[in-house]
């Protein structure tokens, strides 16, 4: 579907890239002076719901820029205007609930790089869309880079065809250790009580199994979750038959609290993990946050991360089905 909507005009941002004939991100701005207020934006989104969702799928990322979006309440109004159902975040990142459907993004130390991932890729039910709002842009760094997932698959198949097909057939096995209590000093410091929404170990096990996890309780009160088998790549309807690199092999391989192997326990060669990491970085798209930006990501099509930054930085998030 070609761009055609009188309620928005196409803009540009530093770092945007053409990918397979589409611009990532597609930047949408107010159509005219005096049309950047919240009422105008909400009216435009309400009138163009189907078209706007098609733009997200077509371009994988859409950036609303130049609108007067001030806070979590107004961000929530934007999310609700789109009409998509909410999906609760499940994962290790420390987050704080702000307002209705709005949470802080990962509250781990700003000095750390949050590695590229599809949101909740390890869980049975994961969001279609990740929506981010920049309330306070960082003075330096702090970008939210994203990566067209199909390009990673294409390049990995080019360089390691036999490995990709073997791993796709076998699947992946991940482990992750959730701490006994929250540790906001770590980007993966969410305790199991917060992660599973209960302080009852039996209920936590029940909820973990419902999400497709096996669990082992540790002597220190933490919990080791085992996820197996998980896919390496996936093809989603409506996305040109693209084979997405729908995994977190690089992000979890050989880390302090996590691991990634083939489903049968075979180790993944370090040189392949390293080369995959290089490819992901080479394919990444970077842009600098501006105050009031709202970024819509197709979670089926993009990996995303967070660059280290100087404080302050305040980016909020909503996840939708």
C-alpha atoms as a PDB file:
ATOM      1  CA  UNK A   1       0.000   0.000   0.000  1.00  0.00           C
ATOM      2  CA  UNK A   2       1.420   3.338  -1.029  1.00  0.00           C
ATOM      3  CA  UNK A   3       1.559   6.264   1.358  1.00  0.00           C
ATOM      4  CA  UNK A   4      -1.603   8.302   1.062  1.00  0.00           C
ATOM      5  CA  UNK A   5      -3.054  10.116   4.030  1.00  0.00           C
ATOM      6  CA  UNK A   6      -3.951  13.806   4.248  1.00  0.00           C
ATOM      7  CA  UNK A   7      -3.712  13.712   8.055  1.00  0.00           C
ATOM      8  CA  UNK A   8       0.066  13.163   8.084  1.00  0.00           C
ATOM      9  CA  UNK A   9       3.001  14.250   5.988  1.00  0.00           C
ATOM     10  CA  UNK A  10       6.183  12.250   5.482  1.00  0.00           C
ATOM     11  CA  UNK A  11       9.321  13.610   7.086  1.00  0.00           C
ATOM     12  CA  UNK A  12      12.898  12.459   7.504  1.00  0.00           C
ATOM     13  CA  UNK A  13      15.168  11.654  10.418  1.00  0.00           C
ATOM     14  CA  UNK A  14      18.890  11.240  10.777  1.00  0.00           C
ATOM     15  CA  UNK A  15      19.826   7.565  10.439  1.00  0.00           C
ATOM     16  CA  UNK A  16      16.839   6.358   8.423  1.00  0.00           C
ATOM     17  CA  UNK A  17      17.645   3.682   5.814  1.00  0.00           C
ATOM     18  CA  UNK A  18      16.032   2.226   2.717  1.00  0.00           C
ATOM     19  CA  UNK A  19      15.544  -1.519   3.217  1.00  0.00           C
ATOM     20  CA  UNK A  20      14.071  -3.694   0.467  1.00  0.00           C
ATOM     21  CA  UNK A  21      12.253  -0.709  -1.029  1.00  0.00           C
ATOM     22  CA  UNK A  22      10.896   0.713   2.243  1.00  0.00           C
ATOM     23  CA  UNK A  23      12.165   3.516   4.475  1.00  0.00           C
ATOM     24  CA  UNK A  24      12.910   2.564   8.090  1.00  0.00           C
ATOM     25  CA  UNK A  25      11.598   4.281  10.041  1.00  0.00           C
ATOM     26  CA  UNK A  26       8.772   5.954   8.161  1.00  0.00           C
ATOM     27  CA  UNK A  27       8.599   9.418   9.754  1.00  0.00           C
ATOM     28  CA  UNK A  28       5.112  10.914  10.037  1.00  0.00           C
ATOM     29  CA  UNK A  29       4.693  14.568  10.993  1.00  0.00           C
ATOM     30  CA  UNK A  30       1.775  16.979  11.417  1.00  0.00           C
ATOM     31  CA  UNK A  31       0.209  17.840   8.047  1.00  0.00           C
ATOM     32  CA  UNK A  32       0.421  21.598   8.654  1.00  0.00           C
ATOM     33  CA  UNK A  33       1.347  24.237  11.209  1.00  0.00           C
ATOM     34  CA  UNK A  34      -1.066  24.251  14.127  1.00  0.00           C
ATOM     35  CA  UNK A  35      -1.915  20.567  13.674  1.00  0.00           C
ATOM     36  CA  UNK A  36       0.609  19.187  16.166  1.00  0.00           C
ATOM     37  CA  UNK A  37      -1.704  19.184  19.206  1.00  0.00           C
ATOM     38  CA  UNK A  38      -2.901  16.000  20.904  1.00  0.00           C
ATOM     39  CA  UNK A  39      -6.536  16.397  19.855  1.00  0.00           C
ATOM     40  CA  UNK A  40      -5.540  16.571  16.181  1.00  0.00           C
ATOM     41  CA  UNK A  41      -3.210  13.584  16.531  1.00  0.00           C
ATOM     42  CA  UNK A  42      -5.789  11.413  18.306  1.00  0.00           C
ATOM     43  CA  UNK A  43      -8.408  12.325  15.706  1.00  0.00           C
ATOM     44  CA  UNK A  44      -6.022  11.430  12.872  1.00  0.00           C
ATOM     45  CA  UNK A  45      -5.121   8.079  14.441  1.00  0.00           C
ATOM     46  CA  UNK A  46      -8.784   7.295  15.085  1.00  0.00           C
ATOM     47  CA  UNK A  47      -9.770   8.026  11.479  1.00  0.00           C
ATOM     48  CA  UNK A  48      -6.879   6.059   9.955  1.00  0.00           C
ATOM     49  CA  UNK A  49      -6.493   2.960  12.164  1.00  0.00           C
ATOM     50  CA  UNK A  50      -6.333   0.423   9.335  1.00  0.00           C
ATOM     51  CA  UNK A  51      -4.018   2.543   7.197  1.00  0.00           C
ATOM     52  CA  UNK A  52      -1.710   3.293  10.135  1.00  0.00           C
ATOM     53  CA  UNK A  53      -1.343  -0.401  11.023  1.00  0.00           C
ATOM     54  CA  UNK A  54      -0.600  -1.181   7.367  1.00  0.00           C
ATOM     55  CA  UNK A  55       2.181   1.422   7.443  1.00  0.00           C
ATOM     56  CA  UNK A  56       3.723  -0.267  10.490  1.00  0.00           C
ATOM     57  CA  UNK A  57       3.684  -3.656   8.778  1.00  0.00           C
ATOM     58  CA  UNK A  58       4.893  -2.220   5.457  1.00  0.00           C
ATOM     59  CA  UNK A  59       7.802  -0.187   6.893  1.00  0.00           C
ATOM     60  CA  UNK A  60       8.355  -2.200  10.113  1.00  0.00           C
ATOM     61  CA  UNK A  61       8.904   1.064  12.047  1.00  0.00           C
ATOM     62  CA  UNK A  62       6.878   4.281  12.130  1.00  0.00           C
ATOM     63  CA  UNK A  63       8.076   7.382  13.999  1.00  0.00           C
ATOM     64  CA  UNK A  64       5.598  10.088  14.984  1.00  0.00           C
ATOM     65  CA  UNK A  65       7.636  13.265  15.286  1.00  0.00           C
ATOM     66  CA  UNK A  66       6.727  16.898  15.813  1.00  0.00           C
ATOM     67  CA  UNK A  67       3.555  16.273  17.813  1.00  0.00           C
ATOM     68  CA  UNK A  68       3.082  17.819  21.240  1.00  0.00           C
ATOM     69  CA  UNK A  69       3.131  14.623  23.308  1.00  0.00           C
ATOM     70  CA  UNK A  70       4.120  15.530  26.865  1.00  0.00           C
ATOM     71  CA  UNK A  71       3.700  12.618  29.290  1.00  0.00           C
ATOM     72  CA  UNK A  72       2.562   9.083  30.065  1.00  0.00           C
ATOM     73  CA  UNK A  73      -1.125  10.030  30.149  1.00  0.00           C
ATOM     74  CA  UNK A  74      -0.994  11.421  26.621  1.00  0.00           C
ATOM     75  CA  UNK A  75       1.123   8.511  25.451  1.00  0.00           C
ATOM     76  CA  UNK A  76      -1.508   6.129  26.819  1.00  0.00           C
ATOM     77  CA  UNK A  77      -4.188   8.067  24.908  1.00  0.00           C
ATOM     78  CA  UNK A  78      -2.216   7.459  21.693  1.00  0.00           C
ATOM     79  CA  UNK A  79      -1.888   3.742  22.404  1.00  0.00           C
ATOM     80  CA  UNK A  80      -5.593   3.407  23.155  1.00  0.00           C
ATOM     81  CA  UNK A  81      -6.562   5.425  20.074  1.00  0.00           C
ATOM     82  CA  UNK A  82      -4.943   2.747  17.916  1.00  0.00           C
ATOM     83  CA  UNK A  83      -7.376   0.143  19.258  1.00  0.00           C
ATOM     84  CA  UNK A  84      -4.942  -2.716  19.886  1.00  0.00           C
ATOM     85  CA  UNK A  85      -5.241  -5.050  22.867  1.00  0.00           C
ATOM     86  CA  UNK A  86      -2.702  -4.842  25.671  1.00  0.00           C
ATOM     87  CA  UNK A  87      -0.255  -7.652  26.434  1.00  0.00           C
ATOM     88  CA  UNK A  88       1.522  -7.804  29.794  1.00  0.00           C
ATOM     89  CA  UNK A  89       5.306  -7.824  29.720  1.00  0.00           C
ATOM     90  CA  UNK A  90       6.962 -11.018  30.982  1.00  0.00           C
ATOM     91  CA  UNK A  91      10.747 -11.029  31.186  1.00  0.00           C
ATOM     92  CA  UNK A  92      13.858 -10.178  33.190  1.00  0.00           C
ATOM     93  CA  UNK A  93      14.003  -6.409  32.612  1.00  0.00           C
ATOM     94  CA  UNK A  94      13.273  -4.218  35.664  1.00  0.00           C
ATOM     95  CA  UNK A  95      10.300  -1.992  34.870  1.00  0.00           C
ATOM     96  CA  UNK A  96       7.863   0.235  36.750  1.00  0.00           C
ATOM     97  CA  UNK A  97       4.170   0.693  36.003  1.00  0.00           C
ATOM     98  CA  UNK A  98       3.434   4.364  35.279  1.00  0.00           C
ATOM     99  CA  UNK A  99      -0.140   4.789  34.018  1.00  0.00           C
ATOM    100  CA  UNK A 100      -2.737   2.328  32.708  1.00  0.00           C
ATOM    101  CA  UNK A 101      -0.957   0.544  29.815  1.00  0.00           C
ATOM    102  CA  UNK A 102       2.315   2.463  30.173  1.00  0.00           C
ATOM    103  CA  UNK A 103       5.522   1.223  31.808  1.00  0.00           C
ATOM    104  CA  UNK A 104       9.086   2.395  31.998  1.00  0.00           C
ATOM    105  CA  UNK A 105      11.405   0.788  29.481  1.00  0.00           C
ATOM    106  CA  UNK A 106      14.238  -1.337  30.920  1.00  0.00           C
ATOM    107  CA  UNK A 107      15.502   0.448  34.041  1.00  0.00           C
ATOM    108  CA  UNK A 108      18.906  -1.234  34.004  1.00  0.00           C
ATOM    109  CA  UNK A 109      21.945   1.067  34.268  1.00  0.00           C
ATOM    110  CA  UNK A 110      22.151   3.562  31.414  1.00  0.00           C
ATOM    111  CA  UNK A 111      25.840   2.739  31.064  1.00  0.00           C
ATOM    112  CA  UNK A 112      24.965  -0.744  29.754  1.00  0.00           C
ATOM    113  CA  UNK A 113      24.042  -1.744  26.212  1.00  0.00           C
ATOM    114  CA  UNK A 114      20.780  -3.675  26.035  1.00  0.00           C
ATOM    115  CA  UNK A 115      21.311  -6.197  23.282  1.00  0.00           C
ATOM    116  CA  UNK A 116      19.065  -6.511  20.227  1.00  0.00           C
ATOM    117  CA  UNK A 117      15.996  -8.704  20.722  1.00  0.00           C
ATOM    118  CA  UNK A 118      12.438  -9.327  19.637  1.00  0.00           C
ATOM    119  CA  UNK A 119      10.288  -8.449  22.663  1.00  0.00           C
ATOM    120  CA  UNK A 120       9.308 -11.552  24.672  1.00  0.00           C
ATOM    121  CA  UNK A 121      10.692 -13.795  21.922  1.00  0.00           C
ATOM    122  CA  UNK A 122      10.994 -16.738  24.323  1.00  0.00           C
ATOM    123  CA  UNK A 123       7.376 -16.651  25.507  1.00  0.00           C
ATOM    124  CA  UNK A 124       4.458 -18.422  23.805  1.00  0.00           C
ATOM    125  CA  UNK A 125       2.522 -15.173  23.475  1.00  0.00           C
ATOM    126  CA  UNK A 126       4.562 -12.153  22.419  1.00  0.00           C
ATOM    127  CA  UNK A 127       3.476  -8.679  21.282  1.00  0.00           C
ATOM    128  CA  UNK A 128       2.926  -7.713  17.678  1.00  0.00           C
ATOM    129  CA  UNK A 129       3.914  -4.140  18.402  1.00  0.00           C
ATOM    130  CA  UNK A 130       6.283  -2.366  20.769  1.00  0.00           C
ATOM    131  CA  UNK A 131       5.515   1.336  21.190  1.00  0.00           C
ATOM    132  CA  UNK A 132       8.054   3.706  22.735  1.00  0.00           C
ATOM    133  CA  UNK A 133       7.677   7.321  23.853  1.00  0.00           C
ATOM    134  CA  UNK A 134      10.566   9.671  24.572  1.00  0.00           C
ATOM    135  CA  UNK A 135       9.653  11.970  27.454  1.00  0.00           C
ATOM    136  CA  UNK A 136      13.235  13.026  28.228  1.00  0.00           C
ATOM    137  CA  UNK A 137      15.863  12.557  25.476  1.00  0.00           C
ATOM    138  CA  UNK A 138      19.369  11.789  26.727  1.00  0.00           C
ATOM    139  CA  UNK A 139      22.101  14.427  26.269  1.00  0.00           C
ATOM    140  CA  UNK A 140      24.339  11.817  24.647  1.00  0.00           C
ATOM    141  CA  UNK A 141      23.784   8.265  23.390  1.00  0.00           C
ATOM    142  CA  UNK A 142      20.718   6.335  24.469  1.00  0.00           C
ATOM    143  CA  UNK A 143      19.473   5.527  20.973  1.00  0.00           C
ATOM    144  CA  UNK A 144      16.982   2.700  20.457  1.00  0.00           C
ATOM    145  CA  UNK A 145      18.543   1.007  17.418  1.00  0.00           C
ATOM    146  CA  UNK A 146      16.571  -1.607  15.512  1.00  0.00           C
ATOM    147  CA  UNK A 147      17.422  -4.282  12.982  1.00  0.00           C
ATOM    148  CA  UNK A 148      15.407  -5.744  10.073  1.00  0.00           C
ATOM    149  CA  UNK A 149      15.298  -9.345  11.232  1.00  0.00           C
ATOM    150  CA  UNK A 150      14.986 -10.920   7.784  1.00  0.00           C
ATOM    151  CA  UNK A 151      18.282  -9.349   6.727  1.00  0.00           C
ATOM    152  CA  UNK A 152      20.074 -11.203   9.513  1.00  0.00           C
ATOM    153  CA  UNK A 153      18.597 -14.500   8.336  1.00  0.00           C
ATOM    154  CA  UNK A 154      19.543 -13.796   4.730  1.00  0.00           C
ATOM    155  CA  UNK A 155      23.157 -13.070   5.623  1.00  0.00           C
ATOM    156  CA  UNK A 156      23.502 -15.962   8.058  1.00  0.00           C
ATOM    157  CA  UNK A 157      22.156 -18.346   5.403  1.00  0.00           C
ATOM    158  CA  UNK A 158      24.652 -16.923   2.908  1.00  0.00           C
ATOM    159  CA  UNK A 159      27.608 -17.483   5.264  1.00  0.00           C
ATOM    160  CA  UNK A 160      26.530 -20.524   7.317  1.00  0.00           C
ATOM    161  CA  UNK A 161      23.828 -22.369   5.337  1.00  0.00           C
ATOM    162  CA  UNK A 162      24.361 -25.806   6.890  1.00  0.00           C
ATOM    163  CA  UNK A 163      24.492 -24.449  10.448  1.00  0.00           C
ATOM    164  CA  UNK A 164      21.297 -22.393  10.009  1.00  0.00           C
ATOM    165  CA  UNK A 165      19.363 -25.344   8.595  1.00  0.00           C
ATOM    166  CA  UNK A 166      20.631 -27.701  11.317  1.00  0.00           C
ATOM    167  CA  UNK A 167      19.758 -25.284  14.109  1.00  0.00           C
ATOM    168  CA  UNK A 168      16.403 -24.438  12.559  1.00  0.00           C
ATOM    169  CA  UNK A 169      15.595 -28.150  12.496  1.00  0.00           C
ATOM    170  CA  UNK A 170      16.823 -28.908  16.027  1.00  0.00           C
ATOM    171  CA  UNK A 171      15.717 -25.686  17.698  1.00  0.00           C
ATOM    172  CA  UNK A 172      17.344 -23.797  20.552  1.00  0.00           C
ATOM    173  CA  UNK A 173      17.566 -24.423  24.289  1.00  0.00           C
ATOM    174  CA  UNK A 174      17.787 -21.396  26.563  1.00  0.00           C
ATOM    175  CA  UNK A 175      18.260 -21.109  30.298  1.00  0.00           C
ATOM    176  CA  UNK A 176      17.815 -17.992  32.351  1.00  0.00           C
ATOM    177  CA  UNK A 177      18.205 -17.432  36.091  1.00  0.00           C
ATOM    178  CA  UNK A 178      15.742 -15.072  37.770  1.00  0.00           C
ATOM    179  CA  UNK A 179      16.990 -13.661  41.055  1.00  0.00           C
ATOM    180  CA  UNK A 180      15.234 -14.089  44.396  1.00  0.00           C
ATOM    181  CA  UNK A 181      14.692 -10.306  44.602  1.00  0.00           C
ATOM    182  CA  UNK A 182      14.723  -7.382  42.186  1.00  0.00           C
ATOM    183  CA  UNK A 183      18.126  -5.873  41.405  1.00  0.00           C
ATOM    184  CA  UNK A 184      17.749  -2.617  39.505  1.00  0.00           C
ATOM    185  CA  UNK A 185      21.530  -2.465  39.230  1.00  0.00           C
ATOM    186  CA  UNK A 186      21.264  -5.031  36.440  1.00  0.00           C
ATOM    187  CA  UNK A 187      19.449  -4.793  33.111  1.00  0.00           C
ATOM    188  CA  UNK A 188      18.286  -8.382  33.763  1.00  0.00           C
ATOM    189  CA  UNK A 189      17.717  -7.889  37.469  1.00  0.00           C
ATOM    190  CA  UNK A 190      13.994  -8.583  37.750  1.00  0.00           C
ATOM    191  CA  UNK A 191      13.267 -11.045  40.564  1.00  0.00           C
ATOM    192  CA  UNK A 192      10.984 -14.018  39.966  1.00  0.00           C
ATOM    193  CA  UNK A 193       8.198 -12.610  42.181  1.00  0.00           C
ATOM    194  CA  UNK A 194       7.939  -9.531  39.992  1.00  0.00           C
ATOM    195  CA  UNK A 195       8.456 -11.471  36.761  1.00  0.00           C
ATOM    196  CA  UNK A 196       5.652 -13.945  37.488  1.00  0.00           C
ATOM    197  CA  UNK A 197       3.456 -11.571  39.485  1.00  0.00           C
ATOM    198  CA  UNK A 198       3.316 -13.722  42.622  1.00  0.00           C
ATOM    199  CA  UNK A 199       5.295 -14.478  45.785  1.00  0.00           C
ATOM    200  CA  UNK A 200       3.988 -18.058  45.908  1.00  0.00           C
ATOM    201  CA  UNK A 201       6.563 -20.518  44.474  1.00  0.00           C
ATOM    202  CA  UNK A 202       3.875 -23.029  43.472  1.00  0.00           C
ATOM    203  CA  UNK A 203       1.928 -20.353  41.606  1.00  0.00           C
ATOM    204  CA  UNK A 204       5.139 -19.108  39.981  1.00  0.00           C
ATOM    205  CA  UNK A 205       5.825 -22.640  38.680  1.00  0.00           C
ATOM    206  CA  UNK A 206       2.276 -22.876  37.355  1.00  0.00           C
ATOM    207  CA  UNK A 207       2.588 -19.551  35.551  1.00  0.00           C
ATOM    208  CA  UNK A 208       6.018 -20.449  34.184  1.00  0.00           C
ATOM    209  CA  UNK A 209       4.683 -23.690  32.713  1.00  0.00           C
ATOM    210  CA  UNK A 210       1.753 -21.832  31.160  1.00  0.00           C
ATOM    211  CA  UNK A 211       4.343 -19.671  29.382  1.00  0.00           C
ATOM    212  CA  UNK A 212       6.188 -22.749  28.118  1.00  0.00           C
ATOM    213  CA  UNK A 213       8.992 -22.855  30.700  1.00  0.00           C
ATOM    214  CA  UNK A 214      10.377 -25.601  32.901  1.00  0.00           C
ATOM    215  CA  UNK A 215      11.861 -24.458  36.201  1.00  0.00           C
ATOM    216  CA  UNK A 216      14.505 -25.452  38.738  1.00  0.00           C
ATOM    217  CA  UNK A 217      14.653 -23.822  42.185  1.00  0.00           C
ATOM    218  CA  UNK A 218      18.106 -22.764  43.334  1.00  0.00           C
ATOM    219  CA  UNK A 219      19.601 -22.859  46.827  1.00  0.00           C
ATOM    220  CA  UNK A 220      19.899 -19.058  46.892  1.00  0.00           C
ATOM    221  CA  UNK A 221      16.145 -18.626  46.392  1.00  0.00           C
ATOM    222  CA  UNK A 222      16.376 -17.845  42.700  1.00  0.00           C
ATOM    223  CA  UNK A 223      14.772 -19.801  39.897  1.00  0.00           C
ATOM    224  CA  UNK A 224      16.342 -21.239  36.761  1.00  0.00           C
ATOM    225  CA  UNK A 225      13.997 -21.296  33.803  1.00  0.00           C
ATOM    226  CA  UNK A 226      14.542 -23.681  30.880  1.00  0.00           C
ATOM    227  CA  UNK A 227      12.985 -22.942  27.511  1.00  0.00           C
ATOM    228  CA  UNK A 228      13.224 -25.682  24.895  1.00  0.00           C
ATOM    229  CA  UNK A 229      12.820 -26.105  22.040  1.00  0.00           C
ATOM    230  CA  UNK A 230      12.606 -22.586  20.627  1.00  0.00           C
ATOM    231  CA  UNK A 231      12.733 -21.619  16.975  1.00  0.00           C
ATOM    232  CA  UNK A 232      15.666 -20.004  15.212  1.00  0.00           C
ATOM    233  CA  UNK A 233      13.627 -18.369  12.435  1.00  0.00           C
ATOM    234  CA  UNK A 234       9.952 -17.709  11.769  1.00  0.00           C
ATOM    235  CA  UNK A 235       7.792 -16.527   8.884  1.00  0.00           C
ATOM    236  CA  UNK A 236       4.807 -14.330   9.796  1.00  0.00           C
ATOM    237  CA  UNK A 237       1.729 -13.701   7.690  1.00  0.00           C
ATOM    238  CA  UNK A 238       1.613 -10.432   5.768  1.00  0.00           C
ATOM    239  CA  UNK A 239       5.362  -9.769   5.804  1.00  0.00           C
ATOM    240  CA  UNK A 240       6.334 -10.753   2.263  1.00  0.00           C
ATOM    241  CA  UNK A 241       7.304 -14.304   3.271  1.00  0.00           C
ATOM    242  CA  UNK A 242      10.386 -12.944   5.013  1.00  0.00           C
ATOM    243  CA  UNK A 243      12.202 -15.397   7.259  1.00  0.00           C
ATOM    244  CA  UNK A 244      12.791 -13.548  10.515  1.00  0.00           C
ATOM    245  CA  UNK A 245      15.788 -14.171  12.799  1.00  0.00           C
ATOM    246  CA  UNK A 246      13.353 -14.747  15.647  1.00  0.00           C
ATOM    247  CA  UNK A 247      15.666 -15.768  18.459  1.00  0.00           C
ATOM    248  CA  UNK A 248      17.983 -14.393  21.114  1.00  0.00           C
ATOM    249  CA  UNK A 249      20.937 -16.681  20.525  1.00  0.00           C
ATOM    250  CA  UNK A 250      23.547 -13.918  20.628  1.00  0.00           C
ATOM    251  CA  UNK A 251      21.973 -12.096  23.548  1.00  0.00           C
ATOM    252  CA  UNK A 252      21.856 -15.153  25.828  1.00  0.00           C
ATOM    253  CA  UNK A 253      24.844 -17.226  24.708  1.00  0.00           C
ATOM    254  CA  UNK A 254      27.530 -17.602  27.351  1.00  0.00           C
ATOM    255  CA  UNK A 255      26.238 -14.916  29.736  1.00  0.00           C
ATOM    256  CA  UNK A 256      26.400 -14.884  33.555  1.00  0.00           C
ATOM    257  CA  UNK A 257      22.683 -15.542  34.054  1.00  0.00           C
ATOM    258  CA  UNK A 258      21.782 -17.185  30.758  1.00  0.00           C
ATOM    259  CA  UNK A 259      22.813 -19.696  28.120  1.00  0.00           C
ATOM    260  CA  UNK A 260      21.868 -20.691  24.578  1.00  0.00           C
ATOM    261  CA  UNK A 261      22.660 -24.062  22.982  1.00  0.00           C
ATOM    262  CA  UNK A 262      21.108 -26.313  20.378  1.00  0.00           C
ATOM    263  CA  UNK A 263      18.033 -28.080  21.748  1.00  0.00           C
ATOM    264  CA  UNK A 264      19.955 -31.357  22.064  1.00  0.00           C
ATOM    265  CA  UNK A 265      22.612 -29.652  24.207  1.00  0.00           C
ATOM    266  CA  UNK A 266      25.181 -29.247  21.433  1.00  0.00           C
ATOM    267  CA  UNK A 267      27.219 -26.082  21.938  1.00  0.00           C
ATOM    268  CA  UNK A 268      26.920 -23.334  19.330  1.00  0.00           C
ATOM    269  CA  UNK A 269      30.373 -22.476  17.921  1.00  0.00           C
ATOM    270  CA  UNK A 270      31.689 -19.217  19.345  1.00  0.00           C
ATOM    271  CA  UNK A 271      32.838 -17.996  15.921  1.00  0.00           C
ATOM    272  CA  UNK A 272      29.281 -18.289  14.556  1.00  0.00           C
ATOM    273  CA  UNK A 273      27.817 -16.400  17.507  1.00  0.00           C
ATOM    274  CA  UNK A 274      30.449 -13.683  17.065  1.00  0.00           C
ATOM    275  CA  UNK A 275      29.822 -13.360  13.340  1.00  0.00           C
ATOM    276  CA  UNK A 276      26.066 -13.181  13.916  1.00  0.00           C
ATOM    277  CA  UNK A 277      26.670 -10.371  16.410  1.00  0.00           C
ATOM    278  CA  UNK A 278      28.673  -8.487  13.758  1.00  0.00           C
ATOM    279  CA  UNK A 279      25.961  -8.967  11.125  1.00  0.00           C
ATOM    280  CA  UNK A 280      23.243  -7.706  13.468  1.00  0.00           C
ATOM    281  CA  UNK A 281      25.258  -4.574  14.227  1.00  0.00           C
ATOM    282  CA  UNK A 282      26.026  -3.987  10.551  1.00  0.00           C
ATOM    283  CA  UNK A 283      22.312  -4.140   9.697  1.00  0.00           C
ATOM    284  CA  UNK A 284      21.223  -1.868  12.563  1.00  0.00           C
ATOM    285  CA  UNK A 285      19.385   1.419  12.053  1.00  0.00           C
ATOM    286  CA  UNK A 286      20.135   4.247  14.478  1.00  0.00           C
ATOM    287  CA  UNK A 287      18.262   7.464  15.100  1.00  0.00           C
ATOM    288  CA  UNK A 288      18.460  10.053  17.869  1.00  0.00           C
ATOM    289  CA  UNK A 289      15.499  10.540  20.155  1.00  0.00           C
ATOM    290  CA  UNK A 290      13.755  13.898  20.268  1.00  0.00           C
ATOM    291  CA  UNK A 291      11.370  14.989  23.005  1.00  0.00           C
ATOM    292  CA  UNK A 292       7.827  13.836  22.228  1.00  0.00           C
ATOM    293  CA  UNK A 293       8.815  11.135  19.717  1.00  0.00           C
ATOM    294  CA  UNK A 294       6.563   8.076  19.564  1.00  0.00           C
ATOM    295  CA  UNK A 295       8.083   5.050  17.822  1.00  0.00           C
ATOM    296  CA  UNK A 296       6.001   2.079  16.670  1.00  0.00           C
ATOM    297  CA  UNK A 297       7.949  -1.134  16.019  1.00  0.00           C
ATOM    298  CA  UNK A 298       6.651  -4.270  14.327  1.00  0.00           C
ATOM    299  CA  UNK A 299       7.925  -6.804  16.849  1.00  0.00           C
ATOM    300  CA  UNK A 300       7.531  -9.626  14.324  1.00  0.00           C
ATOM    301  CA  UNK A 301       9.954  -7.906  11.946  1.00  0.00           C
ATOM    302  CA  UNK A 302      12.491  -6.000  14.061  1.00  0.00           C
ATOM    303  CA  UNK A 303      15.008  -6.647  16.773  1.00  0.00           C
ATOM    304  CA  UNK A 304      15.627  -3.613  18.977  1.00  0.00           C
ATOM    305  CA  UNK A 305      18.053  -2.600  21.724  1.00  0.00           C
ATOM    306  CA  UNK A 306      19.339   0.379  23.721  1.00  0.00           C
ATOM    307  CA  UNK A 307      22.638   2.190  23.388  1.00  0.00           C
ATOM    308  CA  UNK A 308      24.475   3.327  26.535  1.00  0.00           C
ATOM    309  CA  UNK A 309      23.737   6.940  27.410  1.00  0.00           C
ATOM    310  CA  UNK A 310      24.365   9.759  29.792  1.00  0.00           C
ATOM    311  CA  UNK A 311      21.499  10.634  32.135  1.00  0.00           C
ATOM    312  CA  UNK A 312      18.829  11.752  32.185  1.00  0.00           C
ATOM    313  CA  UNK A 313      16.875   9.522  29.788  1.00  0.00           C
ATOM    314  CA  UNK A 314      13.191   8.693  30.121  1.00  0.00           C
ATOM    315  CA  UNK A 315      11.613   6.410  27.555  1.00  0.00           C
ATOM    316  CA  UNK A 316       8.261   4.744  28.253  1.00  0.00           C
ATOM    317  CA  UNK A 317       6.810   1.644  26.603  1.00  0.00           C
ATOM    318  CA  UNK A 318       3.564  -0.136  25.767  1.00  0.00           C
ATOM    319  CA  UNK A 319       3.231  -3.604  24.233  1.00  0.00           C
ATOM    320  CA  UNK A 320       0.225  -4.633  22.130  1.00  0.00           C
ATOM    321  CA  UNK A 321      -1.231  -7.735  20.542  1.00  0.00           C
END
